[in-house]
Protein backbone atom coordinates (compact mmCIF):
# COMPACT_ATOMS: atom_id res chain seq x y z
CA VAL A 1 1.23 14.38 3.10
CA MET A 2 -1.16 12.64 5.51
CA PRO A 3 -1.45 15.42 8.10
CA PHE A 4 -2.40 17.88 5.38
CA LEU A 5 -5.17 15.77 3.87
CA GLY A 6 -7.66 16.31 6.64
CA ARG A 7 -10.54 13.94 6.02
CA PRO A 8 -11.30 13.54 2.30
CA ASP A 9 -14.57 12.09 0.99
CA VAL A 10 -12.62 9.28 -0.65
CA LEU A 11 -8.95 8.46 -1.07
CA ILE A 12 -7.57 6.73 -4.17
CA VAL A 13 -4.24 4.99 -3.63
CA SER A 14 -1.99 4.07 -6.53
CA ALA A 15 -0.66 0.81 -5.06
CA GLY A 16 2.62 0.18 -6.84
CA TYR A 17 4.75 -2.66 -5.58
CA ASP A 18 7.78 -2.12 -7.78
CA ALA A 19 9.33 -0.23 -4.86
CA HIS A 20 9.93 -3.51 -3.00
CA TYR A 21 13.56 -4.52 -2.58
CA ARG A 22 12.93 -7.94 -4.19
CA ASP A 23 11.19 -6.48 -7.24
CA PRO A 24 13.38 -6.17 -10.36
CA MET A 25 12.79 -2.39 -10.45
CA GLN A 26 13.71 -1.87 -6.75
CA LEU A 27 12.60 1.74 -6.92
CA MET A 28 12.72 2.41 -3.17
CA LYS A 29 13.89 -0.88 -1.65
CA LEU A 30 10.87 -1.14 0.68
CA ARG A 31 10.23 -4.17 2.87
CA THR A 32 6.98 -6.12 2.76
CA SER A 33 6.02 -4.91 6.24
CA THR A 34 6.28 -1.30 5.05
CA TYR A 35 3.20 -1.78 2.89
CA ARG A 36 1.19 -2.83 5.94
CA GLN A 37 2.43 0.19 7.87
CA MET A 38 1.44 2.53 5.06
CA SER A 39 -1.97 0.87 4.75
CA GLU A 40 -2.56 1.19 8.50
CA ALA A 41 -1.71 4.89 8.26
CA VAL A 42 -4.15 5.34 5.37
CA LYS A 43 -6.87 3.53 7.35
CA GLN A 44 -6.40 6.01 10.20
CA ILE A 45 -7.73 8.78 7.96
CA GLY A 46 -11.17 7.22 8.33
CA CYS A 47 -12.62 7.62 4.84
CA PRO A 48 -13.43 5.17 2.04
CA VAL A 49 -10.31 4.04 0.20
CA LEU A 50 -9.85 2.59 -3.28
CA PHE A 51 -6.58 0.78 -3.99
CA LEU A 52 -5.57 0.62 -7.66
CA LEU A 53 -2.96 -2.00 -8.46
CA GLU A 54 0.04 -0.71 -10.36
CA GLY A 55 3.60 -1.90 -10.79
CA GLY A 56 5.09 -5.01 -9.27
CA TYR A 57 7.01 -7.36 -11.51
CA ALA A 58 7.87 -10.27 -9.23
CA PRO A 59 4.70 -12.35 -8.74
CA GLU A 60 5.68 -13.86 -5.37
CA VAL A 61 6.60 -10.43 -3.99
CA LEU A 62 3.48 -8.86 -5.47
CA ALA A 63 1.24 -11.39 -3.71
CA GLU A 64 2.96 -10.80 -0.36
CA CYS A 65 2.72 -7.03 -0.66
CA VAL A 66 -0.95 -7.04 -1.66
CA GLU A 67 -1.70 -9.32 1.31
CA GLU A 68 0.09 -6.91 3.66
CA THR A 69 -1.68 -3.90 2.16
CA LEU A 70 -5.14 -5.44 2.54
CA GLY A 71 -4.45 -7.01 5.94
CA PRO A 72 -5.50 -4.04 8.07
CA TRP A 73 -8.75 -3.75 6.10
CA VAL A 74 -9.88 -7.37 6.43
CA GLU A 75 -8.68 -8.19 9.94
CA ASP A 76 -11.24 -6.08 11.77
């Protein structure tokens, strides 16, 4: 989807962490590092981004994934 977005005025991301392999739902079996990679890709678009927290039912995994998602935004 990213190449087709162009540069939107704002991007709203539904940040669901129930796709992590250690989450009880295991919807996509993603690794923690995958969330950072996706966040870095979103940052490349170069517009304001709003992350809305959804899904994620294992607190320790949720915390790790949120940290990875926000990492590229706070490390600059």
